[in-house]
PDB file of N, CA and C in Angstrom:
ATOM      1  N   MET A   1       0.847  -1.170   0.000  1.00  0.00           N
ATOM      2  CA  MET A   1       0.000   0.000   0.000  1.00  0.00           C
ATOM      3  C   MET A   1       0.891   1.230   0.000  1.00  0.00           C
ATOM      4  N   ASP A   2       0.545   2.190  -0.813  1.00  0.00           N
ATOM      5  CA  ASP A   2       1.217   3.486  -0.831  1.00  0.00           C
ATOM      6  C   ASP A   2       0.220   4.526  -0.356  1.00  0.00           C
ATOM      7  N   LEU A   3       0.622   5.308   0.630  1.00  0.00           N
ATOM      8  CA  LEU A   3      -0.287   6.244   1.275  1.00  0.00           C
ATOM      9  C   LEU A   3       0.402   7.587   1.442  1.00  0.00           C
ATOM     10  N   PHE A   4      -0.334   8.668   1.193  1.00  0.00           N
ATOM     11  CA  PHE A   4       0.163  10.020   1.416  1.00  0.00           C
ATOM     12  C   PHE A   4      -0.435  10.520   2.729  1.00  0.00           C
ATOM     13  N   VAL A   5       0.420  10.917   3.662  1.00  0.00           N
ATOM     14  CA  VAL A   5      -0.016  11.324   4.997  1.00  0.00           C
ATOM     15  C   VAL A   5       0.363  12.787   5.218  1.00  0.00           C
ATOM     16  N   PRO A   6      -0.597  13.653   5.614  1.00  0.00           N
ATOM     17  CA  PRO A   6      -0.265  15.059   5.839  1.00  0.00           C
ATOM     18  C   PRO A   6       0.728  15.239   6.989  1.00  0.00           C
ATOM     19  N   ARG A   7       1.629  16.176   6.796  1.00  0.00           N
ATOM     20  CA  ARG A   7       2.673  16.433   7.796  1.00  0.00           C
ATOM     21  C   ARG A   7       2.088  16.786   9.164  1.00  0.00           C
ATOM     22  N   SER A   8       1.012  17.549   9.179  1.00  0.00           N
ATOM     23  CA  SER A   8       0.434  18.001  10.446  1.00  0.00           C
ATOM     24  C   SER A   8      -0.100  16.855  11.296  1.00  0.00           C
ATOM     25  N   ARG A   9      -0.319  15.682  10.694  1.00  0.00           N
ATOM     26  CA  ARG A   9      -0.894  14.551  11.428  1.00  0.00           C
ATOM     27  C   ARG A   9       0.064  13.364  11.526  1.00  0.00           C
ATOM     28  N   ILE A  10       1.334  13.578  11.241  1.00  0.00           N
ATOM     29  CA  ILE A  10       2.274  12.464  11.206  1.00  0.00           C
ATOM     30  C   ILE A  10       2.467  11.839  12.589  1.00  0.00           C
ATOM     31  N   THR A  11       2.405  12.636  13.645  1.00  0.00           N
ATOM     32  CA  THR A  11       2.531  12.087  14.997  1.00  0.00           C
ATOM     33  C   THR A  11       1.336  11.206  15.334  1.00  0.00           C
ATOM     34  N   ASP A  12       0.133  11.666  14.982  1.00  0.00           N
ATOM     35  CA  ASP A  12      -1.075  10.857  15.203  1.00  0.00           C
ATOM     36  C   ASP A  12      -1.003   9.560  14.406  1.00  0.00           C
ATOM     37  N   PHE A  13      -0.509   9.655  13.187  1.00  0.00           N
ATOM     38  CA  PHE A  13      -0.370   8.473  12.338  1.00  0.00           C
ATOM     39  C   PHE A  13       0.631   7.492  12.952  1.00  0.00           C
ATOM     40  N   ASN A  14       1.732   8.012  13.439  1.00  0.00           N
ATOM     41  CA  ASN A  14       2.742   7.162  14.070  1.00  0.00           C
ATOM     42  C   ASN A  14       2.154   6.410  15.265  1.00  0.00           C
ATOM     43  N   GLU A  15       1.458   7.134  16.136  1.00  0.00           N
ATOM     44  CA  GLU A  15       0.891   6.508  17.335  1.00  0.00           C
ATOM     45  C   GLU A  15      -0.205   5.505  16.983  1.00  0.00           C
ATOM     46  N   GLY A  16      -1.119   5.904  16.114  1.00  0.00           N
ATOM     47  CA  GLY A  16      -2.284   5.075  15.825  1.00  0.00           C
ATOM     48  C   GLY A  16      -2.044   3.952  14.844  1.00  0.00           C
ATOM     49  N   VAL A  17      -1.191   4.186  13.863  1.00  0.00           N
ATOM     50  CA  VAL A  17      -0.976   3.180  12.815  1.00  0.00           C
ATOM     51  C   VAL A  17       0.300   2.382  13.061  1.00  0.00           C
ATOM     52  N   LEU A  18       1.425   3.061  13.100  1.00  0.00           N
ATOM     53  CA  LEU A  18       2.689   2.332  13.209  1.00  0.00           C
ATOM     54  C   LEU A  18       2.807   1.587  14.538  1.00  0.00           C
ATOM     55  N   LYS A  19       2.466   2.253  15.638  1.00  0.00           N
ATOM     56  CA  LYS A  19       2.607   1.609  16.950  1.00  0.00           C
ATOM     57  C   LYS A  19       1.409   0.727  17.309  1.00  0.00           C
ATOM     58  N   ASP A  20       0.187   1.244  17.130  1.00  0.00           N
ATOM     59  CA  ASP A  20      -0.993   0.512  17.606  1.00  0.00           C
ATOM     60  C   ASP A  20      -1.516  -0.538  16.638  1.00  0.00           C
ATOM     61  N   ILE A  21      -1.305  -0.368  15.355  1.00  0.00           N
ATOM     62  CA  ILE A  21      -1.824  -1.352  14.400  1.00  0.00           C
ATOM     63  C   ILE A  21      -0.703  -2.263  13.905  1.00  0.00           C
ATOM     64  N   ILE A  22       0.297  -1.689  13.275  1.00  0.00           N
ATOM     65  CA  ILE A  22       1.325  -2.508  12.620  1.00  0.00           C
ATOM     66  C   ILE A  22       2.165  -3.298  13.629  1.00  0.00           C
ATOM     67  N   LEU A  23       2.703  -2.637  14.636  1.00  0.00           N
ATOM     68  CA  LEU A  23       3.566  -3.349  15.584  1.00  0.00           C
ATOM     69  C   LEU A  23       2.800  -4.365  16.429  1.00  0.00           C
ATOM     70  N   LYS A  24       1.600  -4.013  16.849  1.00  0.00           N
ATOM     71  CA  LYS A  24       0.839  -4.920  17.721  1.00  0.00           C
ATOM     72  C   LYS A  24       0.320  -6.152  16.992  1.00  0.00           C
ATOM     73  N   GLN A  25      -0.014  -6.010  15.709  1.00  0.00           N
ATOM     74  CA  GLN A  25      -0.565  -7.151  14.973  1.00  0.00           C
ATOM     75  C   GLN A  25       0.525  -8.084  14.457  1.00  0.00           C
ATOM     76  N   ASN A  26       1.722  -7.569  14.290  1.00  0.00           N
ATOM     77  CA  ASN A  26       2.867  -8.394  13.889  1.00  0.00           C
ATOM     78  C   ASN A  26       2.631  -9.184  12.596  1.00  0.00           C
ATOM     79  N   ILE A  27       1.986  -8.558  11.618  1.00  0.00           N
ATOM     80  CA  ILE A  27       1.817  -9.159  10.293  1.00  0.00           C
ATOM     81  C   ILE A  27       3.075  -8.814   9.491  1.00  0.00           C
ATOM     82  N   PRO A  28       3.700  -9.779   8.836  1.00  0.00           N
ATOM     83  CA  PRO A  28       4.974  -9.523   8.149  1.00  0.00           C
ATOM     84  C   PRO A  28       4.892  -8.402   7.101  1.00  0.00           C
ATOM     85  N   ILE A  29       5.868  -7.518   7.170  1.00  0.00           N
ATOM     86  CA  ILE A  29       6.042  -6.454   6.182  1.00  0.00           C
ATOM     87  C   ILE A  29       7.483  -6.554   5.706  1.00  0.00           C
ATOM     88  N   ALA A  30       7.669  -6.664   4.398  1.00  0.00           N
ATOM     89  CA  ALA A  30       9.021  -6.788   3.854  1.00  0.00           C
ATOM     90  C   ALA A  30       9.822  -5.518   4.115  1.00  0.00           C
ATOM     91  N   SER A  31       9.199  -4.355   3.882  1.00  0.00           N
ATOM     92  CA  SER A  31       9.871  -3.094   4.185  1.00  0.00           C
ATOM     93  C   SER A  31       8.851  -1.972   4.298  1.00  0.00           C
ATOM     94  N   ILE A  32       9.240  -0.959   5.047  1.00  0.00           N
ATOM     95  CA  ILE A  32       8.449   0.262   5.191  1.00  0.00           C
ATOM     96  C   ILE A  32       9.341   1.405   4.745  1.00  0.00           C
ATOM     97  N   ILE A  33       8.823   2.220   3.856  1.00  0.00           N
ATOM     98  CA  ILE A  33       9.562   3.389   3.384  1.00  0.00           C
ATOM     99  C   ILE A  33       8.727   4.620   3.714  1.00  0.00           C
ATOM    100  N   PHE A  34       9.362   5.605   4.319  1.00  0.00           N
ATOM    101  CA  PHE A  34       8.705   6.858   4.673  1.00  0.00           C
ATOM    102  C   PHE A  34       9.588   7.996   4.194  1.00  0.00           C
ATOM    103  N   TYR A  35       9.044   8.917   3.429  1.00  0.00           N
ATOM    104  CA  TYR A  35       9.847  10.068   3.031  1.00  0.00           C
ATOM    105  C   TYR A  35       8.946  11.268   2.771  1.00  0.00           C
ATOM    106  N   PRO A  36       9.457  12.493   3.011  1.00  0.00           N
ATOM    107  CA  PRO A  36       8.658  13.700   2.820  1.00  0.00           C
ATOM    108  C   PRO A  36       8.612  14.113   1.352  1.00  0.00           C
ATOM    109  N   MET A  37       7.528  14.769   1.001  1.00  0.00           N
ATOM    110  CA  MET A  37       7.347  15.312  -0.353  1.00  0.00           C
ATOM    111  C   MET A  37       6.816  16.736  -0.242  1.00  0.00           C
ATOM    112  N   ASN A  38       7.094  17.534  -1.252  1.00  0.00           N
ATOM    113  CA  ASN A  38       6.547  18.884  -1.356  1.00  0.00           C
ATOM    114  C   ASN A  38       5.436  18.892  -2.391  1.00  0.00           C
ATOM    115  N   LYS A  39       4.291  19.426  -2.013  1.00  0.00           N
ATOM    116  CA  LYS A  39       3.140  19.461  -2.908  1.00  0.00           C
ATOM    117  C   LYS A  39       3.448  20.245  -4.186  1.00  0.00           C
ATOM    118  N   ASN A  40       4.301  21.263  -4.088  1.00  0.00           N
ATOM    119  CA  ASN A  40       4.586  22.075  -5.271  1.00  0.00           C
ATOM    120  C   ASN A  40       5.358  21.313  -6.344  1.00  0.00           C
ATOM    121  N   LYS A  41       5.804  20.106  -6.038  1.00  0.00           N
ATOM    122  CA  LYS A  41       6.484  19.263  -7.030  1.00  0.00           C
ATOM    123  C   LYS A  41       5.495  18.416  -7.828  1.00  0.00           C
ATOM    124  N   TRP A  42       4.223  18.478  -7.466  1.00  0.00           N
ATOM    125  CA  TRP A  42       3.186  17.682  -8.128  1.00  0.00           C
ATOM    126  C   TRP A  42       2.357  18.582  -9.038  1.00  0.00           C
ATOM    127  N   ASP A  43       1.940  18.054 -10.136  1.00  0.00           N
ATOM    128  CA  ASP A  43       1.104  18.766 -11.095  1.00  0.00           C
ATOM    129  C   ASP A  43      -0.360  18.498 -10.746  1.00  0.00           C
ATOM    130  N   ASP A  44      -1.154  19.559 -10.545  1.00  0.00           N
ATOM    131  CA  ASP A  44      -2.570  19.411 -10.182  1.00  0.00           C
ATOM    132  C   ASP A  44      -3.385  18.682 -11.242  1.00  0.00           C
ATOM    133  N   ARG A  45      -2.868  18.593 -12.450  1.00  0.00           N
ATOM    134  CA  ARG A  45      -3.613  17.915 -13.516  1.00  0.00           C
ATOM    135  C   ARG A  45      -3.447  16.399 -13.474  1.00  0.00           C
ATOM    136  N   MET A  46      -2.569  15.921 -12.604  1.00  0.00           N
ATOM    137  CA  MET A  46      -2.366  14.474 -12.492  1.00  0.00           C
ATOM    138  C   MET A  46      -3.545  13.846 -11.760  1.00  0.00           C
ATOM    139  N   SER A  47      -3.731  12.554 -11.972  1.00  0.00           N
ATOM    140  CA  SER A  47      -4.837  11.869 -11.307  1.00  0.00           C
ATOM    141  C   SER A  47      -4.518  11.525  -9.855  1.00  0.00           C
ATOM    142  N   ALA A  48      -3.258  11.582  -9.461  1.00  0.00           N
ATOM    143  CA  ALA A  48      -2.905  11.320  -8.062  1.00  0.00           C
ATOM    144  C   ALA A  48      -3.401  12.471  -7.192  1.00  0.00           C
ATOM    145  N   ILE A  49      -4.013  12.121  -6.083  1.00  0.00           N
ATOM    146  CA  ILE A  49      -4.520  13.116  -5.148  1.00  0.00           C
ATOM    147  C   ILE A  49      -3.601  13.130  -3.931  1.00  0.00           C
ATOM    148  N   THR A  50      -3.180  14.323  -3.531  1.00  0.00           N
ATOM    149  CA  THR A  50      -2.304  14.472  -2.374  1.00  0.00           C
ATOM    150  C   THR A  50      -3.060  15.189  -1.261  1.00  0.00           C
ATOM    151  N   PRO A  51      -2.604  15.060  -0.016  1.00  0.00           N
ATOM    152  CA  PRO A  51      -3.238  15.804   1.073  1.00  0.00           C
ATOM    153  C   PRO A  51      -3.165  17.306   0.810  1.00  0.00           C
ATOM    154  N   ASN A  52      -4.066  18.037   1.411  1.00  0.00           N
ATOM    155  CA  ASN A  52      -4.158  19.474   1.181  1.00  0.00           C
ATOM    156  C   ASN A  52      -3.192  20.233   2.100  1.00  0.00           C
ATOM    157  N   GLU A  53      -1.923  19.884   2.036  1.00  0.00           N
ATOM    158  CA  GLU A  53      -0.864  20.552   2.794  1.00  0.00           C
ATOM    159  C   GLU A  53       0.374  20.636   1.910  1.00  0.00           C
ATOM    160  N   GLU A  54       1.214  21.617   2.179  1.00  0.00           N
ATOM    161  CA  GLU A  54       2.413  21.797   1.357  1.00  0.00           C
ATOM    162  C   GLU A  54       3.388  20.628   1.500  1.00  0.00           C
ATOM    163  N   VAL A  55       3.521  20.094   2.701  1.00  0.00           N
ATOM    164  CA  VAL A  55       4.418  18.961   2.933  1.00  0.00           C
ATOM    165  C   VAL A  55       3.589  17.768   3.386  1.00  0.00           C
ATOM    166  N   PHE A  56       3.849  16.635   2.787  1.00  0.00           N
ATOM    167  CA  PHE A  56       3.200  15.397   3.205  1.00  0.00           C
ATOM    168  C   PHE A  56       4.227  14.276   3.125  1.00  0.00           C
ATOM    169  N   TYR A  57       3.899  13.166   3.750  1.00  0.00           N
ATOM    170  CA  TYR A  57       4.804  12.013   3.761  1.00  0.00           C
ATOM    171  C   TYR A  57       4.244  10.902   2.892  1.00  0.00           C
ATOM    172  N   VAL A  58       5.130  10.235   2.193  1.00  0.00           N
ATOM    173  CA  VAL A  58       4.758   9.059   1.412  1.00  0.00           C
ATOM    174  C   VAL A  58       5.137   7.840   2.251  1.00  0.00           C
ATOM    175  N   LEU A  59       4.167   6.979   2.465  1.00  0.00           N
ATOM    176  CA  LEU A  59       4.398   5.728   3.178  1.00  0.00           C
ATOM    177  C   LEU A  59       4.242   4.596   2.188  1.00  0.00           C
ATOM    178  N   GLY A  60       5.258   3.783   2.070  1.00  0.00           N
ATOM    179  CA  GLY A  60       5.183   2.582   1.239  1.00  0.00           C
ATOM    180  C   GLY A  60       5.296   1.360   2.129  1.00  0.00           C
ATOM    181  N   LEU A  61       4.236   0.560   2.172  1.00  0.00           N
ATOM    182  CA  LEU A  61       4.255  -0.707   2.914  1.00  0.00           C
ATOM    183  C   LEU A  61       4.385  -1.817   1.893  1.00  0.00           C
ATOM    184  N   PHE A  62       5.495  -2.487   1.905  1.00  0.00           N
ATOM    185  CA  PHE A  62       5.724  -3.573   0.959  1.00  0.00           C
ATOM    186  C   PHE A  62       5.607  -4.889   1.709  1.00  0.00           C
ATOM    187  N   ARG A  63       4.641  -5.671   1.321  1.00  0.00           N
ATOM    188  CA  ARG A  63       4.302  -6.894   2.044  1.00  0.00           C
ATOM    189  C   ARG A  63       5.009  -8.104   1.444  1.00  0.00           C
ATOM    190  N   GLY A  64       5.339  -9.036   2.295  1.00  0.00           N
ATOM    191  CA  GLY A  64       5.856 -10.330   1.869  1.00  0.00           C
ATOM    192  C   GLY A  64       4.955 -11.402   2.454  1.00  0.00           C
ATOM    193  N   CYS A  65       4.092 -11.971   1.636  1.00  0.00           N
ATOM    194  CA  CYS A  65       3.131 -12.966   2.117  1.00  0.00           C
ATOM    195  C   CYS A  65       3.598 -14.354   1.695  1.00  0.00           C
ATOM    196  N   PHE A  66       4.091 -15.104   2.652  1.00  0.00           N
ATOM    197  CA  PHE A  66       4.665 -16.406   2.349  1.00  0.00           C
ATOM    198  C   PHE A  66       3.900 -17.566   2.978  1.00  0.00           C
ATOM    199  N   VAL A  67       3.041 -17.268   3.922  1.00  0.00           N
ATOM    200  CA  VAL A  67       2.291 -18.295   4.636  1.00  0.00           C
ATOM    201  C   VAL A  67       0.811 -18.118   4.316  1.00  0.00           C
ATOM    202  N   LYS A  68       0.095 -19.221   4.226  1.00  0.00           N
ATOM    203  CA  LYS A  68      -1.336 -19.170   3.930  1.00  0.00           C
ATOM    204  C   LYS A  68      -2.044 -18.240   4.923  1.00  0.00           C
ATOM    205  N   GLY A  69      -2.853 -17.351   4.385  1.00  0.00           N
ATOM    206  CA  GLY A  69      -3.617 -16.421   5.207  1.00  0.00           C
ATOM    207  C   GLY A  69      -2.975 -15.063   5.399  1.00  0.00           C
ATOM    208  N   GLU A  70      -1.686 -14.933   5.085  1.00  0.00           N
ATOM    209  CA  GLU A  70      -1.013 -13.650   5.290  1.00  0.00           C
ATOM    210  C   GLU A  70      -1.525 -12.568   4.349  1.00  0.00           C
ATOM    211  N   SER A  71      -1.853 -12.929   3.117  1.00  0.00           N
ATOM    212  CA  SER A  71      -2.333 -11.900   2.189  1.00  0.00           C
ATOM    213  C   SER A  71      -3.678 -11.351   2.655  1.00  0.00           C
ATOM    214  N   GLU A  72      -4.557 -12.218   3.155  1.00  0.00           N
ATOM    215  CA  GLU A  72      -5.847 -11.757   3.668  1.00  0.00           C
ATOM    216  C   GLU A  72      -5.647 -10.878   4.906  1.00  0.00           C
ATOM    217  N   ALA A  73      -4.720 -11.282   5.775  1.00  0.00           N
ATOM    218  CA  ALA A  73      -4.427 -10.492   6.973  1.00  0.00           C
ATOM    219  C   ALA A  73      -3.844  -9.134   6.593  1.00  0.00           C
ATOM    220  N   SER A  74      -3.001  -9.102   5.569  1.00  0.00           N
ATOM    221  CA  SER A  74      -2.413  -7.844   5.103  1.00  0.00           C
ATOM    222  C   SER A  74      -3.476  -6.920   4.532  1.00  0.00           C
ATOM    223  N   GLU A  75      -4.388  -7.471   3.735  1.00  0.00           N
ATOM    224  CA  GLU A  75      -5.486  -6.668   3.175  1.00  0.00           C
ATOM    225  C   GLU A  75      -6.368  -6.116   4.289  1.00  0.00           C
ATOM    226  N   ALA A  76      -6.656  -6.941   5.279  1.00  0.00           N
ATOM    227  CA  ALA A  76      -7.476  -6.495   6.408  1.00  0.00           C
ATOM    228  C   ALA A  76      -6.769  -5.386   7.185  1.00  0.00           C
ATOM    229  N   GLN A  77      -5.459  -5.521   7.355  1.00  0.00           N
ATOM    230  CA  GLN A  77      -4.705  -4.492   8.056  1.00  0.00           C
ATOM    231  C   GLN A  77      -4.691  -3.187   7.260  1.00  0.00           C
ATOM    232  N   ASN A  78      -4.535  -3.272   5.945  1.00  0.00           N
ATOM    233  CA  ASN A  78      -4.596  -2.069   5.109  1.00  0.00           C
ATOM    234  C   ASN A  78      -5.934  -1.361   5.296  1.00  0.00           C
ATOM    235  N   SER A  79      -7.013  -2.128   5.301  1.00  0.00           N
ATOM    236  CA  SER A  79      -8.349  -1.545   5.508  1.00  0.00           C
ATOM    237  C   SER A  79      -8.454  -0.906   6.883  1.00  0.00           C
ATOM    238  N   GLN A  80      -7.885  -1.552   7.879  1.00  0.00           N
ATOM    239  CA  GLN A  80      -7.912  -1.012   9.239  1.00  0.00           C
ATOM    240  C   GLN A  80      -7.130   0.304   9.313  1.00  0.00           C
ATOM    241  N   ILE A  81      -6.017   0.379   8.630  1.00  0.00           N
ATOM    242  CA  ILE A  81      -5.218   1.611   8.600  1.00  0.00           C
ATOM    243  C   ILE A  81      -6.026   2.744   7.977  1.00  0.00           C
ATOM    244  N   LEU A  82      -6.662   2.470   6.850  1.00  0.00           N
ATOM    245  CA  LEU A  82      -7.465   3.498   6.185  1.00  0.00           C
ATOM    246  C   LEU A  82      -8.648   3.914   7.044  1.00  0.00           C
ATOM    247  N   GLN A  83      -9.281   2.956   7.712  1.00  0.00           N
ATOM    248  CA  GLN A  83     -10.417   3.274   8.579  1.00  0.00           C
ATOM    249  C   GLN A  83      -9.969   4.109   9.773  1.00  0.00           C
ATOM    250  N   PHE A  84      -8.820   3.785  10.345  1.00  0.00           N
ATOM    251  CA  PHE A  84      -8.288   4.584  11.450  1.00  0.00           C
ATOM    252  C   PHE A  84      -8.096   6.034  11.002  1.00  0.00           C
ATOM    253  N   CYS A  85      -7.470   6.224   9.850  1.00  0.00           N
ATOM    254  CA  CYS A  85      -7.238   7.582   9.342  1.00  0.00           C
ATOM    255  C   CYS A  85      -8.555   8.327   9.173  1.00  0.00           C
ATOM    256  N   LYS A  86      -9.544   7.660   8.628  1.00  0.00           N
ATOM    257  CA  LYS A  86     -10.857   8.280   8.428  1.00  0.00           C
ATOM    258  C   LYS A  86     -11.503   8.622   9.769  1.00  0.00           C
ATOM    259  N   ASP A  87     -11.445   7.695  10.721  1.00  0.00           N
ATOM    260  CA  ASP A  87     -12.093   7.889  12.024  1.00  0.00           C
ATOM    261  C   ASP A  87     -11.517   9.060  12.810  1.00  0.00           C
ATOM    262  N   VAL A  88     -10.205   9.277  12.722  1.00  0.00           N
ATOM    263  CA  VAL A  88      -9.577  10.352  13.503  1.00  0.00           C
ATOM    264  C   VAL A  88      -9.330  11.615  12.674  1.00  0.00           C
ATOM    265  N   GLY A  89      -9.791  11.628  11.429  1.00  0.00           N
ATOM    266  CA  GLY A  89      -9.704  12.827  10.604  1.00  0.00           C
ATOM    267  C   GLY A  89      -8.357  13.090   9.968  1.00  0.00           C
ATOM    268  N   ILE A  90      -7.563  12.054   9.768  1.00  0.00           N
ATOM    269  CA  ILE A  90      -6.295  12.214   9.043  1.00  0.00           C
ATOM    270  C   ILE A  90      -6.617  12.135   7.556  1.00  0.00           C
ATOM    271  N   ASP A  91      -6.346  13.207   6.836  1.00  0.00           N
ATOM    272  CA  ASP A  91      -6.680  13.293   5.412  1.00  0.00           C
ATOM    273  C   ASP A  91      -5.632  12.562   4.568  1.00  0.00           C
ATOM    274  N   ALA A  92      -5.450  11.275   4.856  1.00  0.00           N
ATOM    275  CA  ALA A  92      -4.493  10.466   4.100  1.00  0.00           C
ATOM    276  C   ALA A  92      -5.108  10.080   2.760  1.00  0.00           C
ATOM    277  N   LYS A  93      -4.276   9.983   1.746  1.00  0.00           N
ATOM    278  CA  LYS A  93      -4.735   9.622   0.406  1.00  0.00           C
ATOM    279  C   LYS A  93      -3.952   8.415  -0.092  1.00  0.00           C
ATOM    280  N   VAL A  94      -4.664   7.476  -0.668  1.00  0.00           N
ATOM    281  CA  VAL A  94      -4.030   6.286  -1.230  1.00  0.00           C
ATOM    282  C   VAL A  94      -3.556   6.605  -2.641  1.00  0.00           C
ATOM    283  N   TYR A  95      -2.335   6.196  -2.953  1.00  0.00           N
ATOM    284  CA  TYR A  95      -1.829   6.335  -4.312  1.00  0.00           C
ATOM    285  C   TYR A  95      -2.328   5.133  -5.102  1.00  0.00           C
ATOM    286  N   LEU A  96      -2.939   5.372  -6.228  1.00  0.00           N
ATOM    287  CA  LEU A  96      -3.526   4.340  -7.080  1.00  0.00           C
ATOM    288  C   LEU A  96      -4.567   3.493  -6.342  1.00  0.00           C
ATOM    289  N   PRO A  97      -5.622   4.153  -5.850  1.00  0.00           N
ATOM    290  CA  PRO A  97      -6.653   3.433  -5.109  1.00  0.00           C
ATOM    291  C   PRO A  97      -7.572   2.625  -6.019  1.00  0.00           C
ATOM    292  N   SER A  98      -8.317   1.730  -5.416  1.00  0.00           N
ATOM    293  CA  SER A  98      -9.338   0.950  -6.112  1.00  0.00           C
ATOM    294  C   SER A  98     -10.632   1.120  -5.332  1.00  0.00           C
ATOM    295  N   PHE A  99     -11.644   1.671  -5.980  1.00  0.00           N
ATOM    296  CA  PHE A  99     -12.907   1.932  -5.295  1.00  0.00           C
ATOM    297  C   PHE A  99     -14.021   1.080  -5.862  1.00  0.00           C
ATOM    298  N   LYS A 100     -14.936   0.681  -4.988  1.00  0.00           N
ATOM    299  CA  LYS A 100     -16.075  -0.131  -5.401  1.00  0.00           C
ATOM    300  C   LYS A 100     -17.333   0.703  -5.620  1.00  0.00           C
ATOM    301  N   THR A 101     -17.387   1.901  -5.003  1.00  0.00           N
ATOM    302  CA  THR A 101     -18.589   2.727  -5.122  1.00  0.00           C
ATOM    303  C   THR A 101     -18.232   4.144  -5.566  1.00  0.00           C
ATOM    304  N   GLN A 102     -19.222   4.834  -6.073  1.00  0.00           N
ATOM    305  CA  GLN A 102     -19.028   6.219  -6.481  1.00  0.00           C
ATOM    306  C   GLN A 102     -18.759   7.094  -5.258  1.00  0.00           C
ATOM    307  N   LEU A 103     -19.392   6.785  -4.131  1.00  0.00           N
ATOM    308  CA  LEU A 103     -19.171   7.550  -2.910  1.00  0.00           C
ATOM    309  C   LEU A 103     -17.708   7.480  -2.473  1.00  0.00           C
ATOM    310  N   GLU A 104     -17.104   6.305  -2.543  1.00  0.00           N
ATOM    311  CA  GLU A 104     -15.683   6.171  -2.205  1.00  0.00           C
ATOM    312  C   GLU A 104     -14.833   7.014  -3.147  1.00  0.00           C
ATOM    313  N   TRP A 105     -15.188   7.029  -4.409  1.00  0.00           N
ATOM    314  CA  TRP A 105     -14.460   7.806  -5.412  1.00  0.00           C
ATOM    315  C   TRP A 105     -14.541   9.298  -5.078  1.00  0.00           C
ATOM    316  N   VAL A 106     -15.746   9.780  -4.772  1.00  0.00           N
ATOM    317  CA  VAL A 106     -15.945  11.198  -4.463  1.00  0.00           C
ATOM    318  C   VAL A 106     -15.206  11.580  -3.178  1.00  0.00           C
ATOM    319  N   GLU A 107     -15.222  10.707  -2.161  1.00  0.00           N
ATOM    320  CA  GLU A 107     -14.501  10.998  -0.917  1.00  0.00           C
ATOM    321  C   GLU A 107     -13.006  11.165  -1.173  1.00  0.00           C
ATOM    322  N   HIS A 108     -12.477  10.395  -2.097  1.00  0.00           N
ATOM    323  CA  HIS A 108     -11.042  10.460  -2.381  1.00  0.00           C
ATOM    324  C   HIS A 108     -10.692  11.638  -3.287  1.00  0.00           C
ATOM    325  N   TYR A 109     -11.393  11.749  -4.412  1.00  0.00           N
ATOM    326  CA  TYR A 109     -11.036  12.749  -5.419  1.00  0.00           C
ATOM    327  C   TYR A 109     -11.692  14.102  -5.200  1.00  0.00           C
ATOM    328  N   GLY A 110     -12.770  14.152  -4.443  1.00  0.00           N
ATOM    329  CA  GLY A 110     -13.453  15.417  -4.212  1.00  0.00           C
ATOM    330  C   GLY A 110     -14.047  15.958  -5.495  1.00  0.00           C
ATOM    331  N   SER A 111     -13.882  17.247  -5.714  1.00  0.00           N
ATOM    332  CA  SER A 111     -14.488  17.897  -6.876  1.00  0.00           C
ATOM    333  C   SER A 111     -13.650  17.767  -8.135  1.00  0.00           C
ATOM    334  N   LYS A 112     -12.516  17.112  -8.037  1.00  0.00           N
ATOM    335  CA  LYS A 112     -11.594  17.014  -9.171  1.00  0.00           C
ATOM    336  C   LYS A 112     -12.175  16.225 -10.312  1.00  0.00           C
TER     337      LYS A 112
END
């Protein structure tokens, strides 16, 4: 999963996602990459949606599923991460999302 996290909420994300979800559940992750980005480096005409802040962080969770059931557990954890962000008001955006409903699409892309 690739996720864009606003800079203003990175501490909340760390506490709620990295410490409370990822570390406690102990589902294998091959690697985690975190790095800052500047919004002014992105073109507004692109289909990628970024948080509405000048600086945001890119989180890349790369999974290694080698045991039966790990892929389902990883998908469930990804959903839990997104739900946590929504519940506490972290305007995180998924890079290359897949939506099942028009409402999910509108929540992500807004008026774009």
